[in-house]
């Protein structure tokens, strides 16, 4: 099966019902998407498929052929991070970092669909991405920064 991931075509030798997450991590060595719950509920495995946030742990690869898949690694580099990644860096929006992939990818999808969301719309878009560390305030600030909101200095 041929998958287009981060703008490159990859021939994948896996069963059609294999979860996209396993192919990304195990076959393509793309470790941005994380295995969290395996049920599509926590968001750690979020990728963009045709620009829409999707839970790669529950999507079989047979449904991904011919579609544009983007992982965290496809957004930017260490030297030139994507504006969403840069906003998360500037807001120090991580503790353990496990949820970060999903938060960034969900924010990226939101901003593609709605370049100037309100804080309420950001909260709505991130509501199914779980963070157990308590970095929610910084994550929302990062999403707002990426959306171009002027933020007041933190205390």
C-alpha atoms as a PDB file:
ATOM      1  CA  UNK A   1       0.000   0.000   0.000  1.00  0.00           C
ATOM      2  CA  UNK A   2       1.235   3.491  -0.797  1.00  0.00           C
ATOM      3  CA  UNK A   3       0.827   6.280   1.753  1.00  0.00           C
ATOM      4  CA  UNK A   4       1.694   9.939   1.346  1.00  0.00           C
ATOM      5  CA  UNK A   5       3.147  11.156   4.626  1.00  0.00           C
ATOM      6  CA  UNK A   6       4.665  14.598   5.092  1.00  0.00           C
ATOM      7  CA  UNK A   7       4.718  15.134   1.337  1.00  0.00           C
ATOM      8  CA  UNK A   8       6.594  11.902   0.538  1.00  0.00           C
ATOM      9  CA  UNK A   9       5.235   8.651  -0.865  1.00  0.00           C
ATOM     10  CA  UNK A  10       5.960   5.486   1.108  1.00  0.00           C
ATOM     11  CA  UNK A  11       5.269   1.912   0.074  1.00  0.00           C
ATOM     12  CA  UNK A  12       4.095   0.132   3.203  1.00  0.00           C
ATOM     13  CA  UNK A  13       4.020  -3.618   3.681  1.00  0.00           C
ATOM     14  CA  UNK A  14       1.322  -4.027   6.319  1.00  0.00           C
ATOM     15  CA  UNK A  15      -2.145  -5.514   6.560  1.00  0.00           C
ATOM     16  CA  UNK A  16      -4.876  -3.111   5.393  1.00  0.00           C
ATOM     17  CA  UNK A  17      -6.463  -3.080   8.854  1.00  0.00           C
ATOM     18  CA  UNK A  18      -3.223  -2.034  10.584  1.00  0.00           C
ATOM     19  CA  UNK A  19      -3.654   1.172  12.568  1.00  0.00           C
ATOM     20  CA  UNK A  20      -1.990   4.150  10.919  1.00  0.00           C
ATOM     21  CA  UNK A  21      -0.181   4.939  14.190  1.00  0.00           C
ATOM     22  CA  UNK A  22       1.766   1.666  14.063  1.00  0.00           C
ATOM     23  CA  UNK A  23       2.881   2.262  10.482  1.00  0.00           C
ATOM     24  CA  UNK A  24       3.948   5.827  11.245  1.00  0.00           C
ATOM     25  CA  UNK A  25       5.960   4.881  14.327  1.00  0.00           C
ATOM     26  CA  UNK A  26       7.230   1.396  13.484  1.00  0.00           C
ATOM     27  CA  UNK A  27       7.693   1.468   9.717  1.00  0.00           C
ATOM     28  CA  UNK A  28       8.354   5.153   9.005  1.00  0.00           C
ATOM     29  CA  UNK A  29      10.138   6.040  12.296  1.00  0.00           C
ATOM     30  CA  UNK A  30       7.890   9.066  12.849  1.00  0.00           C
ATOM     31  CA  UNK A  31       7.585   9.327  16.605  1.00  0.00           C
ATOM     32  CA  UNK A  32       5.612  12.558  16.892  1.00  0.00           C
ATOM     33  CA  UNK A  33       2.298  10.717  17.178  1.00  0.00           C
ATOM     34  CA  UNK A  34       2.231   8.886  20.512  1.00  0.00           C
ATOM     35  CA  UNK A  35       0.400   5.782  21.636  1.00  0.00           C
ATOM     36  CA  UNK A  36      -1.813   6.908  24.477  1.00  0.00           C
ATOM     37  CA  UNK A  37      -5.041   5.034  24.959  1.00  0.00           C
ATOM     38  CA  UNK A  38      -5.353   3.023  21.742  1.00  0.00           C
ATOM     39  CA  UNK A  39      -9.039   3.954  21.634  1.00  0.00           C
ATOM     40  CA  UNK A  40      -8.942   7.353  19.906  1.00  0.00           C
ATOM     41  CA  UNK A  41      -9.922   9.148  23.092  1.00  0.00           C
ATOM     42  CA  UNK A  42      -6.804  10.885  24.435  1.00  0.00           C
ATOM     43  CA  UNK A  43      -5.476  12.608  21.299  1.00  0.00           C
ATOM     44  CA  UNK A  44      -1.777  11.771  21.731  1.00  0.00           C
ATOM     45  CA  UNK A  45      -1.769  10.070  18.315  1.00  0.00           C
ATOM     46  CA  UNK A  46      -3.360  12.954  16.387  1.00  0.00           C
ATOM     47  CA  UNK A  47      -2.218  13.551  12.814  1.00  0.00           C
ATOM     48  CA  UNK A  48      -3.705  15.584   9.978  1.00  0.00           C
ATOM     49  CA  UNK A  49      -5.417  13.676   7.190  1.00  0.00           C
ATOM     50  CA  UNK A  50      -6.320  15.977   4.336  1.00  0.00           C
ATOM     51  CA  UNK A  51      -5.934  18.851   6.809  1.00  0.00           C
ATOM     52  CA  UNK A  52      -8.334  17.447   9.407  1.00  0.00           C
ATOM     53  CA  UNK A  53      -7.224  16.259  12.857  1.00  0.00           C
ATOM     54  CA  UNK A  54      -7.557  12.471  13.079  1.00  0.00           C
ATOM     55  CA  UNK A  55      -6.734   9.836  15.712  1.00  0.00           C
ATOM     56  CA  UNK A  56      -4.194   7.582  14.032  1.00  0.00           C
ATOM     57  CA  UNK A  57      -4.521   4.780  16.603  1.00  0.00           C
ATOM     58  CA  UNK A  58      -8.004   3.856  15.337  1.00  0.00           C
ATOM     59  CA  UNK A  59      -7.681   4.567  11.600  1.00  0.00           C
ATOM     60  CA  UNK A  60      -6.753   1.584   9.420  1.00  0.00           C
ATOM     61  CA  UNK A  61      -4.208   2.329   6.706  1.00  0.00           C
ATOM     62  CA  UNK A  62      -6.578   1.074   4.004  1.00  0.00           C
ATOM     63  CA  UNK A  63      -8.566   4.293   4.492  1.00  0.00           C
ATOM     64  CA  UNK A  64      -5.454   6.460   4.130  1.00  0.00           C
ATOM     65  CA  UNK A  65      -4.254   5.531   0.653  1.00  0.00           C
ATOM     66  CA  UNK A  66      -4.423   8.524  -1.674  1.00  0.00           C
ATOM     67  CA  UNK A  67      -4.823  10.969   1.192  1.00  0.00           C
ATOM     68  CA  UNK A  68      -2.390  13.567   2.510  1.00  0.00           C
ATOM     69  CA  UNK A  69      -1.116  12.594   5.962  1.00  0.00           C
ATOM     70  CA  UNK A  70       0.894  15.078   8.030  1.00  0.00           C
ATOM     71  CA  UNK A  71       2.595  14.266  11.313  1.00  0.00           C
ATOM     72  CA  UNK A  72       4.295  16.583  13.780  1.00  0.00           C
ATOM     73  CA  UNK A  73       7.559  16.010  11.901  1.00  0.00           C
ATOM     74  CA  UNK A  74       5.929  17.374   8.736  1.00  0.00           C
ATOM     75  CA  UNK A  75       5.104  20.764  10.248  1.00  0.00           C
ATOM     76  CA  UNK A  76       8.528  22.237  10.815  1.00  0.00           C
ATOM     77  CA  UNK A  77      12.067  21.534  11.894  1.00  0.00           C
ATOM     78  CA  UNK A  78      14.133  22.318  14.953  1.00  0.00           C
ATOM     79  CA  UNK A  79      15.712  25.190  13.022  1.00  0.00           C
ATOM     80  CA  UNK A  80      12.440  26.417  11.474  1.00  0.00           C
ATOM     81  CA  UNK A  81       9.469  25.375  13.596  1.00  0.00           C
ATOM     82  CA  UNK A  82       5.952  25.825  12.301  1.00  0.00           C
ATOM     83  CA  UNK A  83       4.251  28.920  13.792  1.00  0.00           C
ATOM     84  CA  UNK A  84       2.095  26.655  15.992  1.00  0.00           C
ATOM     85  CA  UNK A  85       5.174  24.818  17.244  1.00  0.00           C
ATOM     86  CA  UNK A  86       6.898  28.161  17.868  1.00  0.00           C
ATOM     87  CA  UNK A  87       3.932  29.419  19.876  1.00  0.00           C
ATOM     88  CA  UNK A  88       4.063  26.297  22.061  1.00  0.00           C
ATOM     89  CA  UNK A  89       7.799  26.863  22.590  1.00  0.00           C
ATOM     90  CA  UNK A  90       7.312  30.531  23.489  1.00  0.00           C
ATOM     91  CA  UNK A  91       4.537  29.729  25.969  1.00  0.00           C
ATOM     92  CA  UNK A  92       6.484  26.776  27.420  1.00  0.00           C
ATOM     93  CA  UNK A  93       3.307  24.760  26.906  1.00  0.00           C
ATOM     94  CA  UNK A  94       4.556  21.388  28.066  1.00  0.00           C
ATOM     95  CA  UNK A  95       5.501  19.471  31.107  1.00  0.00           C
ATOM     96  CA  UNK A  96       6.043  15.817  30.246  1.00  0.00           C
ATOM     97  CA  UNK A  97       5.277  16.517  26.575  1.00  0.00           C
ATOM     98  CA  UNK A  98       3.328  13.327  25.905  1.00  0.00           C
ATOM     99  CA  UNK A  99       0.120  15.137  24.922  1.00  0.00           C
ATOM    100  CA  UNK A 100       1.936  17.824  22.972  1.00  0.00           C
ATOM    101  CA  UNK A 101       1.751  16.121  19.576  1.00  0.00           C
ATOM    102  CA  UNK A 102      -2.039  16.004  19.773  1.00  0.00           C
ATOM    103  CA  UNK A 103      -2.367  19.524  21.103  1.00  0.00           C
ATOM    104  CA  UNK A 104      -0.190  20.956  18.329  1.00  0.00           C
ATOM    105  CA  UNK A 105      -1.835  18.959  15.558  1.00  0.00           C
ATOM    106  CA  UNK A 106      -5.349  19.812  16.777  1.00  0.00           C
ATOM    107  CA  UNK A 107      -4.377  23.489  16.977  1.00  0.00           C
ATOM    108  CA  UNK A 108      -2.929  23.332  13.464  1.00  0.00           C
ATOM    109  CA  UNK A 109      -6.170  21.813  12.117  1.00  0.00           C
ATOM    110  CA  UNK A 110      -8.254  24.426  13.925  1.00  0.00           C
ATOM    111  CA  UNK A 111      -6.222  27.318  12.526  1.00  0.00           C
ATOM    112  CA  UNK A 112      -6.429  25.892   9.002  1.00  0.00           C
ATOM    113  CA  UNK A 113     -10.221  25.881   9.272  1.00  0.00           C
ATOM    114  CA  UNK A 114     -10.532  29.050  11.361  1.00  0.00           C
ATOM    115  CA  UNK A 115      -7.468  31.341  11.311  1.00  0.00           C
ATOM    116  CA  UNK A 116      -8.816  33.630  14.050  1.00  0.00           C
ATOM    117  CA  UNK A 117     -10.626  31.500  16.619  1.00  0.00           C
ATOM    118  CA  UNK A 118     -11.863  32.836  19.915  1.00  0.00           C
ATOM    119  CA  UNK A 119     -10.643  31.369  23.192  1.00  0.00           C
ATOM    120  CA  UNK A 120     -13.930  29.469  23.432  1.00  0.00           C
ATOM    121  CA  UNK A 121     -13.389  27.974  19.967  1.00  0.00           C
ATOM    122  CA  UNK A 122      -9.844  26.965  20.947  1.00  0.00           C
ATOM    123  CA  UNK A 123     -11.123  25.300  24.109  1.00  0.00           C
ATOM    124  CA  UNK A 124     -13.765  23.505  22.052  1.00  0.00           C
ATOM    125  CA  UNK A 125     -11.183  22.268  19.522  1.00  0.00           C
ATOM    126  CA  UNK A 126      -8.851  20.965  22.242  1.00  0.00           C
ATOM    127  CA  UNK A 127     -11.537  19.508  24.522  1.00  0.00           C
ATOM    128  CA  UNK A 128     -10.780  15.886  23.595  1.00  0.00           C
ATOM    129  CA  UNK A 129      -6.997  16.168  23.889  1.00  0.00           C
ATOM    130  CA  UNK A 130      -6.028  15.034  27.352  1.00  0.00           C
ATOM    131  CA  UNK A 131      -3.156  16.467  29.386  1.00  0.00           C
ATOM    132  CA  UNK A 132      -2.536  14.899  32.763  1.00  0.00           C
ATOM    133  CA  UNK A 133       0.260  17.273  33.774  1.00  0.00           C
ATOM    134  CA  UNK A 134      -1.894  20.343  34.185  1.00  0.00           C
ATOM    135  CA  UNK A 135      -0.325  22.442  31.408  1.00  0.00           C
ATOM    136  CA  UNK A 136      -3.759  23.451  30.118  1.00  0.00           C
ATOM    137  CA  UNK A 137      -3.337  27.177  30.730  1.00  0.00           C
ATOM    138  CA  UNK A 138      -0.059  27.295  28.806  1.00  0.00           C
ATOM    139  CA  UNK A 139      -1.476  25.116  26.025  1.00  0.00           C
ATOM    140  CA  UNK A 140      -4.458  27.432  25.534  1.00  0.00           C
ATOM    141  CA  UNK A 141      -2.125  30.452  25.637  1.00  0.00           C
ATOM    142  CA  UNK A 142       0.044  28.818  22.969  1.00  0.00           C
ATOM    143  CA  UNK A 143      -2.973  28.160  20.750  1.00  0.00           C
ATOM    144  CA  UNK A 144      -4.099  31.760  21.221  1.00  0.00           C
ATOM    145  CA  UNK A 145      -0.597  33.022  20.389  1.00  0.00           C
ATOM    146  CA  UNK A 146      -0.557  30.872  17.241  1.00  0.00           C
ATOM    147  CA  UNK A 147      -3.917  32.385  16.297  1.00  0.00           C
ATOM    148  CA  UNK A 148      -2.413  35.860  16.571  1.00  0.00           C
ATOM    149  CA  UNK A 149      -4.021  36.960  19.824  1.00  0.00           C
ATOM    150  CA  UNK A 150      -2.083  39.550  21.784  1.00  0.00           C
ATOM    151  CA  UNK A 151      -1.425  38.060  25.187  1.00  0.00           C
ATOM    152  CA  UNK A 152      -0.828  39.847  28.433  1.00  0.00           C
ATOM    153  CA  UNK A 153       2.415  39.060  30.221  1.00  0.00           C
ATOM    154  CA  UNK A 154       2.253  36.192  32.678  1.00  0.00           C
ATOM    155  CA  UNK A 155       2.755  36.935  36.363  1.00  0.00           C
END
